[in-house]
């Protein structure tokens, strides 16, 4: 007799009559009672977040939802121009651009800070750890994730707001504190002052919420999905994709290759 297969899950299951999610009745216990941000946190963390955690988490999602005509937004709009029958293709094109320069910094920063804190002990000296990290990055000619921004040269307006919200909720944890220390000490090492950017502070805040640092990019993509839907909706109302395409095409200049 064939062995009965079993595929364990702590997420969702369904029967002809019910849908269960996270051990709750989806229709009776969750719909209209749980916000989407709370649910997203719960699905990943495996625990229901506190009200303060939801506030910080949703502030992160708002901070990362849209930032203007970034490459991710332009990619989504141009893909929609090329294939308007494929909304999913346009969204996917935008999300695929979430890497080390845009969106991916959230995970990169959280992972970087977590690595620095891993062997720091219960009472870390944030200033000393930050100073060593900045000096090491300079010696290795590497960038520190979350330090600097292509547009906000002096202050990313998202950064102090998110730190304030985390502080108000008692969630200004070691990752945020270390990130702030990097902001204080780096000018003495680098000889210039760079802002702590919004994507980086989001990564620090998410890490302080106890979310897995290897999955933080997923939350950035979750937030940006809403922004990309907005970008595509605006492209339908007031299209610019064709103008971008024509501008680049008509200003292309053939340059012989130097092989």
C-alpha atoms as a PDB file:
ATOM      1  CA  UNK A   1       0.000   0.000   0.000  1.00  0.00           C
ATOM      2  CA  UNK A   2       1.413   3.366  -1.012  1.00  0.00           C
ATOM      3  CA  UNK A   3       2.552   5.610   1.799  1.00  0.00           C
ATOM      4  CA  UNK A   4       0.208   8.563   2.345  1.00  0.00           C
ATOM      5  CA  UNK A   5       1.954  11.826   1.510  1.00  0.00           C
ATOM      6  CA  UNK A   6       1.955  14.756   3.938  1.00  0.00           C
ATOM      7  CA  UNK A   7       3.129  18.289   3.299  1.00  0.00           C
ATOM      8  CA  UNK A   8       3.253  20.225   6.595  1.00  0.00           C
ATOM      9  CA  UNK A   9       2.544  23.965   6.593  1.00  0.00           C
ATOM     10  CA  UNK A  10       1.923  26.550   9.246  1.00  0.00           C
ATOM     11  CA  UNK A  11       0.431  28.973   6.746  1.00  0.00           C
ATOM     12  CA  UNK A  12      -2.771  28.297   4.849  1.00  0.00           C
ATOM     13  CA  UNK A  13      -4.995  25.356   4.049  1.00  0.00           C
ATOM     14  CA  UNK A  14      -8.524  25.049   2.745  1.00  0.00           C
ATOM     15  CA  UNK A  15     -11.476  22.702   2.615  1.00  0.00           C
ATOM     16  CA  UNK A  16     -14.589  22.983   0.460  1.00  0.00           C
ATOM     17  CA  UNK A  17     -16.202  24.996   3.261  1.00  0.00           C
ATOM     18  CA  UNK A  18     -13.397  26.953   4.956  1.00  0.00           C
ATOM     19  CA  UNK A  19     -10.057  28.670   4.492  1.00  0.00           C
ATOM     20  CA  UNK A  20      -7.569  28.558   7.339  1.00  0.00           C
ATOM     21  CA  UNK A  21      -4.653  30.968   7.571  1.00  0.00           C
ATOM     22  CA  UNK A  22      -2.119  30.969  10.391  1.00  0.00           C
ATOM     23  CA  UNK A  23      -4.444  28.788  12.410  1.00  0.00           C
ATOM     24  CA  UNK A  24      -7.271  31.300  12.078  1.00  0.00           C
ATOM     25  CA  UNK A  25     -10.491  31.138  10.116  1.00  0.00           C
ATOM     26  CA  UNK A  26      -9.741  33.551   7.295  1.00  0.00           C
ATOM     27  CA  UNK A  27     -13.314  34.702   6.773  1.00  0.00           C
ATOM     28  CA  UNK A  28     -14.430  34.796  10.407  1.00  0.00           C
ATOM     29  CA  UNK A  29     -11.260  35.793  12.273  1.00  0.00           C
ATOM     30  CA  UNK A  30      -9.092  37.811   9.900  1.00  0.00           C
ATOM     31  CA  UNK A  31     -11.065  39.586   7.170  1.00  0.00           C
ATOM     32  CA  UNK A  32     -12.025  43.068   8.321  1.00  0.00           C
ATOM     33  CA  UNK A  33     -10.153  42.558  11.599  1.00  0.00           C
ATOM     34  CA  UNK A  34      -6.487  42.325  10.589  1.00  0.00           C
ATOM     35  CA  UNK A  35      -4.698  44.902   8.447  1.00  0.00           C
ATOM     36  CA  UNK A  36      -2.560  43.832   5.523  1.00  0.00           C
ATOM     37  CA  UNK A  37       0.666  45.047   7.140  1.00  0.00           C
ATOM     38  CA  UNK A  38      -0.070  43.080  10.300  1.00  0.00           C
ATOM     39  CA  UNK A  39      -0.839  39.996   8.244  1.00  0.00           C
ATOM     40  CA  UNK A  40       2.358  40.319   6.170  1.00  0.00           C
ATOM     41  CA  UNK A  41       4.424  40.543   9.357  1.00  0.00           C
ATOM     42  CA  UNK A  42       2.581  37.584  10.890  1.00  0.00           C
ATOM     43  CA  UNK A  43       3.066  35.411   7.806  1.00  0.00           C
ATOM     44  CA  UNK A  44       6.843  35.826   7.900  1.00  0.00           C
ATOM     45  CA  UNK A  45       7.562  36.069  11.615  1.00  0.00           C
ATOM     46  CA  UNK A  46       5.140  33.310  12.591  1.00  0.00           C
ATOM     47  CA  UNK A  47       3.798  35.439  15.423  1.00  0.00           C
ATOM     48  CA  UNK A  48       1.254  38.187  15.659  1.00  0.00           C
ATOM     49  CA  UNK A  49       2.970  41.568  16.019  1.00  0.00           C
ATOM     50  CA  UNK A  50       2.192  44.088  18.725  1.00  0.00           C
ATOM     51  CA  UNK A  51       0.513  47.375  17.838  1.00  0.00           C
ATOM     52  CA  UNK A  52       3.877  49.154  18.117  1.00  0.00           C
ATOM     53  CA  UNK A  53       5.539  46.646  15.801  1.00  0.00           C
ATOM     54  CA  UNK A  54       2.748  47.095  13.267  1.00  0.00           C
ATOM     55  CA  UNK A  55       3.226  50.876  13.375  1.00  0.00           C
ATOM     56  CA  UNK A  56       6.966  50.627  12.713  1.00  0.00           C
ATOM     57  CA  UNK A  57       6.502  47.920  10.066  1.00  0.00           C
ATOM     58  CA  UNK A  58       3.865  49.868   8.171  1.00  0.00           C
ATOM     59  CA  UNK A  59       5.968  53.045   8.382  1.00  0.00           C
ATOM     60  CA  UNK A  60       8.697  51.070   6.611  1.00  0.00           C
ATOM     61  CA  UNK A  61       6.271  49.946   3.900  1.00  0.00           C
ATOM     62  CA  UNK A  62       5.125  53.524   3.349  1.00  0.00           C
ATOM     63  CA  UNK A  63       8.732  54.766   3.226  1.00  0.00           C
ATOM     64  CA  UNK A  64       9.629  52.262   0.491  1.00  0.00           C
ATOM     65  CA  UNK A  65       6.459  52.301  -1.622  1.00  0.00           C
ATOM     66  CA  UNK A  66       7.520  54.895  -4.183  1.00  0.00           C
ATOM     67  CA  UNK A  67      10.376  57.299  -4.748  1.00  0.00           C
ATOM     68  CA  UNK A  68       9.560  58.887  -8.087  1.00  0.00           C
ATOM     69  CA  UNK A  69      10.989  57.961 -11.467  1.00  0.00           C
ATOM     70  CA  UNK A  70      13.517  55.444 -10.207  1.00  0.00           C
ATOM     71  CA  UNK A  71      14.797  52.736 -12.581  1.00  0.00           C
ATOM     72  CA  UNK A  72      12.242  50.310 -11.149  1.00  0.00           C
ATOM     73  CA  UNK A  73       9.374  52.664 -11.994  1.00  0.00           C
ATOM     74  CA  UNK A  74      10.729  53.427 -15.462  1.00  0.00           C
ATOM     75  CA  UNK A  75      11.226  49.711 -16.183  1.00  0.00           C
ATOM     76  CA  UNK A  76       7.620  48.998 -15.205  1.00  0.00           C
ATOM     77  CA  UNK A  77       6.273  51.845 -17.346  1.00  0.00           C
ATOM     78  CA  UNK A  78       8.322  50.888 -20.416  1.00  0.00           C
ATOM     79  CA  UNK A  79       7.358  47.240 -20.091  1.00  0.00           C
ATOM     80  CA  UNK A  80       3.712  48.251 -19.856  1.00  0.00           C
ATOM     81  CA  UNK A  81       4.218  50.402 -22.969  1.00  0.00           C
ATOM     82  CA  UNK A  82       5.608  47.404 -24.811  1.00  0.00           C
ATOM     83  CA  UNK A  83       3.084  44.856 -23.485  1.00  0.00           C
ATOM     84  CA  UNK A  84      -0.024  46.588 -22.100  1.00  0.00           C
ATOM     85  CA  UNK A  85      -1.817  43.239 -22.032  1.00  0.00           C
ATOM     86  CA  UNK A  86       0.664  41.995 -19.399  1.00  0.00           C
ATOM     87  CA  UNK A  87       0.234  43.869 -16.144  1.00  0.00           C
ATOM     88  CA  UNK A  88       2.114  41.115 -14.338  1.00  0.00           C
ATOM     89  CA  UNK A  89       5.023  41.520 -16.747  1.00  0.00           C
ATOM     90  CA  UNK A  90       5.263  45.250 -16.030  1.00  0.00           C
ATOM     91  CA  UNK A  91       5.165  44.647 -12.277  1.00  0.00           C
ATOM     92  CA  UNK A  92       7.752  41.903 -12.558  1.00  0.00           C
ATOM     93  CA  UNK A  93      10.056  44.136 -14.614  1.00  0.00           C
ATOM     94  CA  UNK A  94       9.980  46.773 -11.909  1.00  0.00           C
ATOM     95  CA  UNK A  95      10.514  44.296  -9.092  1.00  0.00           C
ATOM     96  CA  UNK A  96      13.426  42.599 -10.838  1.00  0.00           C
ATOM     97  CA  UNK A  97      15.328  45.880 -10.592  1.00  0.00           C
ATOM     98  CA  UNK A  98      15.385  45.692  -6.800  1.00  0.00           C
ATOM     99  CA  UNK A  99      19.098  45.213  -6.221  1.00  0.00           C
ATOM    100  CA  UNK A 100      22.180  46.662  -4.584  1.00  0.00           C
ATOM    101  CA  UNK A 101      21.458  50.245  -5.679  1.00  0.00           C
ATOM    102  CA  UNK A 102      17.679  50.431  -5.369  1.00  0.00           C
ATOM    103  CA  UNK A 103      15.476  48.607  -2.825  1.00  0.00           C
ATOM    104  CA  UNK A 104      18.006  45.883  -2.098  1.00  0.00           C
ATOM    105  CA  UNK A 105      19.862  48.268   0.209  1.00  0.00           C
ATOM    106  CA  UNK A 106      17.190  47.513   2.826  1.00  0.00           C
ATOM    107  CA  UNK A 107      18.346  43.916   3.107  1.00  0.00           C
ATOM    108  CA  UNK A 108      22.006  44.738   2.547  1.00  0.00           C
ATOM    109  CA  UNK A 109      22.006  47.212   5.424  1.00  0.00           C
ATOM    110  CA  UNK A 110      20.107  44.923   7.783  1.00  0.00           C
ATOM    111  CA  UNK A 111      22.462  42.049   6.977  1.00  0.00           C
ATOM    112  CA  UNK A 112      25.538  44.300   7.401  1.00  0.00           C
ATOM    113  CA  UNK A 113      24.420  45.559  10.809  1.00  0.00           C
ATOM    114  CA  UNK A 114      23.429  42.090  11.990  1.00  0.00           C
ATOM    115  CA  UNK A 115      26.874  40.824  11.047  1.00  0.00           C
ATOM    116  CA  UNK A 116      28.567  43.543  13.067  1.00  0.00           C
ATOM    117  CA  UNK A 117      26.373  42.803  16.079  1.00  0.00           C
ATOM    118  CA  UNK A 118      26.690  39.032  15.928  1.00  0.00           C
ATOM    119  CA  UNK A 119      29.745  38.873  18.210  1.00  0.00           C
ATOM    120  CA  UNK A 120      29.200  42.137  20.050  1.00  0.00           C
ATOM    121  CA  UNK A 121      27.842  40.702  23.289  1.00  0.00           C
ATOM    122  CA  UNK A 122      24.889  41.870  25.388  1.00  0.00           C
ATOM    123  CA  UNK A 123      26.108  45.472  25.910  1.00  0.00           C
ATOM    124  CA  UNK A 124      27.706  46.534  22.630  1.00  0.00           C
ATOM    125  CA  UNK A 125      29.766  49.710  22.304  1.00  0.00           C
ATOM    126  CA  UNK A 126      28.026  51.077  19.232  1.00  0.00           C
ATOM    127  CA  UNK A 127      30.532  53.886  18.660  1.00  0.00           C
ATOM    128  CA  UNK A 128      33.508  51.519  18.703  1.00  0.00           C
ATOM    129  CA  UNK A 129      31.832  48.949  16.461  1.00  0.00           C
ATOM    130  CA  UNK A 130      30.788  51.661  14.013  1.00  0.00           C
ATOM    131  CA  UNK A 131      34.274  53.177  13.929  1.00  0.00           C
ATOM    132  CA  UNK A 132      35.902  49.809  13.240  1.00  0.00           C
ATOM    133  CA  UNK A 133      33.349  49.063  10.525  1.00  0.00           C
ATOM    134  CA  UNK A 134      33.850  52.367   8.732  1.00  0.00           C
ATOM    135  CA  UNK A 135      37.627  52.064   8.912  1.00  0.00           C
ATOM    136  CA  UNK A 136      37.472  48.528   7.537  1.00  0.00           C
ATOM    137  CA  UNK A 137      35.180  49.586   4.700  1.00  0.00           C
ATOM    138  CA  UNK A 138      37.524  52.421   3.781  1.00  0.00           C
ATOM    139  CA  UNK A 139      40.557  50.137   3.836  1.00  0.00           C
ATOM    140  CA  UNK A 140      38.777  47.608   1.629  1.00  0.00           C
ATOM    141  CA  UNK A 141      37.411  50.367  -0.640  1.00  0.00           C
ATOM    142  CA  UNK A 142      33.847  49.201  -0.040  1.00  0.00           C
ATOM    143  CA  UNK A 143      30.616  51.095   0.420  1.00  0.00           C
ATOM    144  CA  UNK A 144      28.682  50.871   3.664  1.00  0.00           C
ATOM    145  CA  UNK A 145      25.079  49.845   2.881  1.00  0.00           C
ATOM    146  CA  UNK A 146      22.647  52.618   3.755  1.00  0.00           C
ATOM    147  CA  UNK A 147      25.233  55.410   3.786  1.00  0.00           C
ATOM    148  CA  UNK A 148      24.687  58.079   1.130  1.00  0.00           C
ATOM    149  CA  UNK A 149      21.903  58.807  -1.328  1.00  0.00           C
ATOM    150  CA  UNK A 150      21.931  59.905  -5.009  1.00  0.00           C
ATOM    151  CA  UNK A 151      19.292  62.614  -4.437  1.00  0.00           C
ATOM    152  CA  UNK A 152      19.234  63.468  -0.724  1.00  0.00           C
ATOM    153  CA  UNK A 153      22.797  64.668  -0.272  1.00  0.00           C
ATOM    154  CA  UNK A 154      22.450  66.058   3.247  1.00  0.00           C
ATOM    155  CA  UNK A 155      19.413  64.402   4.842  1.00  0.00           C
ATOM    156  CA  UNK A 156      17.027  61.687   3.744  1.00  0.00           C
ATOM    157  CA  UNK A 157      13.742  62.952   5.219  1.00  0.00           C
ATOM    158  CA  UNK A 158      12.553  59.413   5.938  1.00  0.00           C
ATOM    159  CA  UNK A 159      15.400  58.584   8.295  1.00  0.00           C
ATOM    160  CA  UNK A 160      14.665  60.782  11.340  1.00  0.00           C
ATOM    161  CA  UNK A 161      10.948  60.063  11.103  1.00  0.00           C
ATOM    162  CA  UNK A 162      11.380  56.296  11.193  1.00  0.00           C
ATOM    163  CA  UNK A 163      13.879  56.527  14.051  1.00  0.00           C
ATOM    164  CA  UNK A 164      11.413  58.711  15.976  1.00  0.00           C
ATOM    165  CA  UNK A 165       8.547  56.269  15.404  1.00  0.00           C
ATOM    166  CA  UNK A 166      10.683  53.319  16.523  1.00  0.00           C
ATOM    167  CA  UNK A 167      11.740  55.272  19.608  1.00  0.00           C
ATOM    168  CA  UNK A 168       8.135  56.160  20.460  1.00  0.00           C
ATOM    169  CA  UNK A 169       7.205  52.472  20.315  1.00  0.00           C
ATOM    170  CA  UNK A 170      10.182  51.300  22.371  1.00  0.00           C
ATOM    171  CA  UNK A 171      11.658  49.579  19.311  1.00  0.00           C
ATOM    172  CA  UNK A 172      14.828  51.607  18.755  1.00  0.00           C
ATOM    173  CA  UNK A 173      16.937  48.501  19.033  1.00  0.00           C
ATOM    174  CA  UNK A 174      20.605  47.656  18.481  1.00  0.00           C
ATOM    175  CA  UNK A 175      20.498  47.719  14.688  1.00  0.00           C
ATOM    176  CA  UNK A 176      19.079  51.234  14.598  1.00  0.00           C
ATOM    177  CA  UNK A 177      21.439  52.391  17.328  1.00  0.00           C
ATOM    178  CA  UNK A 178      24.449  51.005  15.461  1.00  0.00           C
ATOM    179  CA  UNK A 179      23.246  52.578  12.213  1.00  0.00           C
ATOM    180  CA  UNK A 180      22.949  55.929  13.970  1.00  0.00           C
ATOM    181  CA  UNK A 181      26.470  55.491  15.354  1.00  0.00           C
ATOM    182  CA  UNK A 182      27.763  54.926  11.819  1.00  0.00           C
ATOM    183  CA  UNK A 183      26.121  58.214  10.904  1.00  0.00           C
ATOM    184  CA  UNK A 184      27.988  59.966  13.713  1.00  0.00           C
ATOM    185  CA  UNK A 185      31.490  58.511  13.270  1.00  0.00           C
ATOM    186  CA  UNK A 186      31.926  58.154   9.519  1.00  0.00           C
ATOM    187  CA  UNK A 187      32.842  61.808   8.780  1.00  0.00           C
ATOM    188  CA  UNK A 188      35.997  61.525  10.896  1.00  0.00           C
ATOM    189  CA  UNK A 189      37.110  58.506   8.838  1.00  0.00           C
ATOM    190  CA  UNK A 190      35.863  59.339   5.353  1.00  0.00           C
ATOM    191  CA  UNK A 191      36.495  63.069   5.526  1.00  0.00           C
ATOM    192  CA  UNK A 192      32.976  63.847   4.352  1.00  0.00           C
ATOM    193  CA  UNK A 193      29.449  63.631   5.707  1.00  0.00           C
ATOM    194  CA  UNK A 194      26.911  61.361   4.039  1.00  0.00           C
ATOM    195  CA  UNK A 195      23.263  60.895   5.021  1.00  0.00           C
ATOM    196  CA  UNK A 196      21.843  57.694   6.413  1.00  0.00           C
ATOM    197  CA  UNK A 197      19.418  56.806   3.666  1.00  0.00           C
ATOM    198  CA  UNK A 198      15.826  55.695   3.999  1.00  0.00           C
ATOM    199  CA  UNK A 199      16.335  52.215   2.597  1.00  0.00           C
ATOM    200  CA  UNK A 200      19.105  51.590   5.103  1.00  0.00           C
ATOM    201  CA  UNK A 201      17.160  52.822   8.116  1.00  0.00           C
ATOM    202  CA  UNK A 202      14.260  50.634   6.991  1.00  0.00           C
ATOM    203  CA  UNK A 203      16.572  47.621   7.020  1.00  0.00           C
ATOM    204  CA  UNK A 204      17.795  48.496  10.512  1.00  0.00           C
ATOM    205  CA  UNK A 205      14.230  48.948  11.777  1.00  0.00           C
ATOM    206  CA  UNK A 206      13.057  45.654  10.274  1.00  0.00           C
ATOM    207  CA  UNK A 207      16.026  43.837  11.806  1.00  0.00           C
ATOM    208  CA  UNK A 208      15.144  45.327  15.191  1.00  0.00           C
ATOM    209  CA  UNK A 209      11.647  43.858  14.774  1.00  0.00           C
ATOM    210  CA  UNK A 210      13.252  40.429  14.714  1.00  0.00           C
ATOM    211  CA  UNK A 211      12.462  39.715  11.074  1.00  0.00           C
ATOM    212  CA  UNK A 212      14.942  37.458   9.216  1.00  0.00           C
ATOM    213  CA  UNK A 213      17.624  39.644   7.629  1.00  0.00           C
ATOM    214  CA  UNK A 214      17.838  37.291   4.644  1.00  0.00           C
ATOM    215  CA  UNK A 215      14.223  38.138   3.780  1.00  0.00           C
ATOM    216  CA  UNK A 216      14.277  41.914   4.250  1.00  0.00           C
ATOM    217  CA  UNK A 217      14.457  42.578   0.520  1.00  0.00           C
ATOM    218  CA  UNK A 218      11.085  40.861   0.250  1.00  0.00           C
ATOM    219  CA  UNK A 219       9.483  43.566   2.370  1.00  0.00           C
ATOM    220  CA  UNK A 220      11.034  46.269   0.189  1.00  0.00           C
ATOM    221  CA  UNK A 221       9.565  44.529  -2.856  1.00  0.00           C
ATOM    222  CA  UNK A 222       6.213  44.178  -1.105  1.00  0.00           C
ATOM    223  CA  UNK A 223       6.131  47.929  -0.521  1.00  0.00           C
ATOM    224  CA  UNK A 224       7.327  48.780  -4.015  1.00  0.00           C
ATOM    225  CA  UNK A 225       4.649  46.569  -5.569  1.00  0.00           C
ATOM    226  CA  UNK A 226       2.050  49.096  -4.398  1.00  0.00           C
ATOM    227  CA  UNK A 227       4.138  51.918  -5.821  1.00  0.00           C
ATOM    228  CA  UNK A 228       4.534  50.156  -9.163  1.00  0.00           C
ATOM    229  CA  UNK A 229       0.801  49.580  -9.465  1.00  0.00           C
ATOM    230  CA  UNK A 230       0.440  53.312  -8.902  1.00  0.00           C
ATOM    231  CA  UNK A 231       3.072  54.038 -11.555  1.00  0.00           C
ATOM    232  CA  UNK A 232       1.277  51.835 -14.086  1.00  0.00           C
ATOM    233  CA  UNK A 233      -2.076  53.389 -13.208  1.00  0.00           C
ATOM    234  CA  UNK A 234      -0.581  56.831 -13.836  1.00  0.00           C
ATOM    235  CA  UNK A 235       1.000  55.599 -17.053  1.00  0.00           C
ATOM    236  CA  UNK A 236      -2.488  54.674 -18.234  1.00  0.00           C
ATOM    237  CA  UNK A 237      -3.836  58.136 -17.339  1.00  0.00           C
ATOM    238  CA  UNK A 238      -0.903  60.300 -18.409  1.00  0.00           C
ATOM    239  CA  UNK A 239       1.576  58.189 -20.369  1.00  0.00           C
ATOM    240  CA  UNK A 240       5.260  59.097 -20.558  1.00  0.00           C
ATOM    241  CA  UNK A 241       6.667  55.739 -21.654  1.00  0.00           C
ATOM    242  CA  UNK A 242       6.557  56.575 -25.356  1.00  0.00           C
ATOM    243  CA  UNK A 243       8.325  59.890 -24.738  1.00  0.00           C
ATOM    244  CA  UNK A 244      11.100  58.130 -22.820  1.00  0.00           C
ATOM    245  CA  UNK A 245      11.512  55.572 -25.579  1.00  0.00           C
ATOM    246  CA  UNK A 246      11.546  58.183 -28.344  1.00  0.00           C
ATOM    247  CA  UNK A 247      13.949  60.463 -26.466  1.00  0.00           C
ATOM    248  CA  UNK A 248      16.494  57.697 -25.984  1.00  0.00           C
ATOM    249  CA  UNK A 249      16.021  56.275 -29.488  1.00  0.00           C
ATOM    250  CA  UNK A 250      16.295  59.617 -31.267  1.00  0.00           C
ATOM    251  CA  UNK A 251      19.363  60.631 -29.300  1.00  0.00           C
ATOM    252  CA  UNK A 252      21.206  57.375 -29.815  1.00  0.00           C
ATOM    253  CA  UNK A 253      24.624  58.031 -31.351  1.00  0.00           C
ATOM    254  CA  UNK A 254      26.484  55.261 -33.122  1.00  0.00           C
ATOM    255  CA  UNK A 255      29.990  54.922 -31.708  1.00  0.00           C
ATOM    256  CA  UNK A 256      32.362  52.375 -33.298  1.00  0.00           C
ATOM    257  CA  UNK A 257      33.464  49.648 -30.952  1.00  0.00           C
ATOM    258  CA  UNK A 258      37.054  49.590 -29.844  1.00  0.00           C
ATOM    259  CA  UNK A 259      37.714  45.862 -29.745  1.00  0.00           C
END
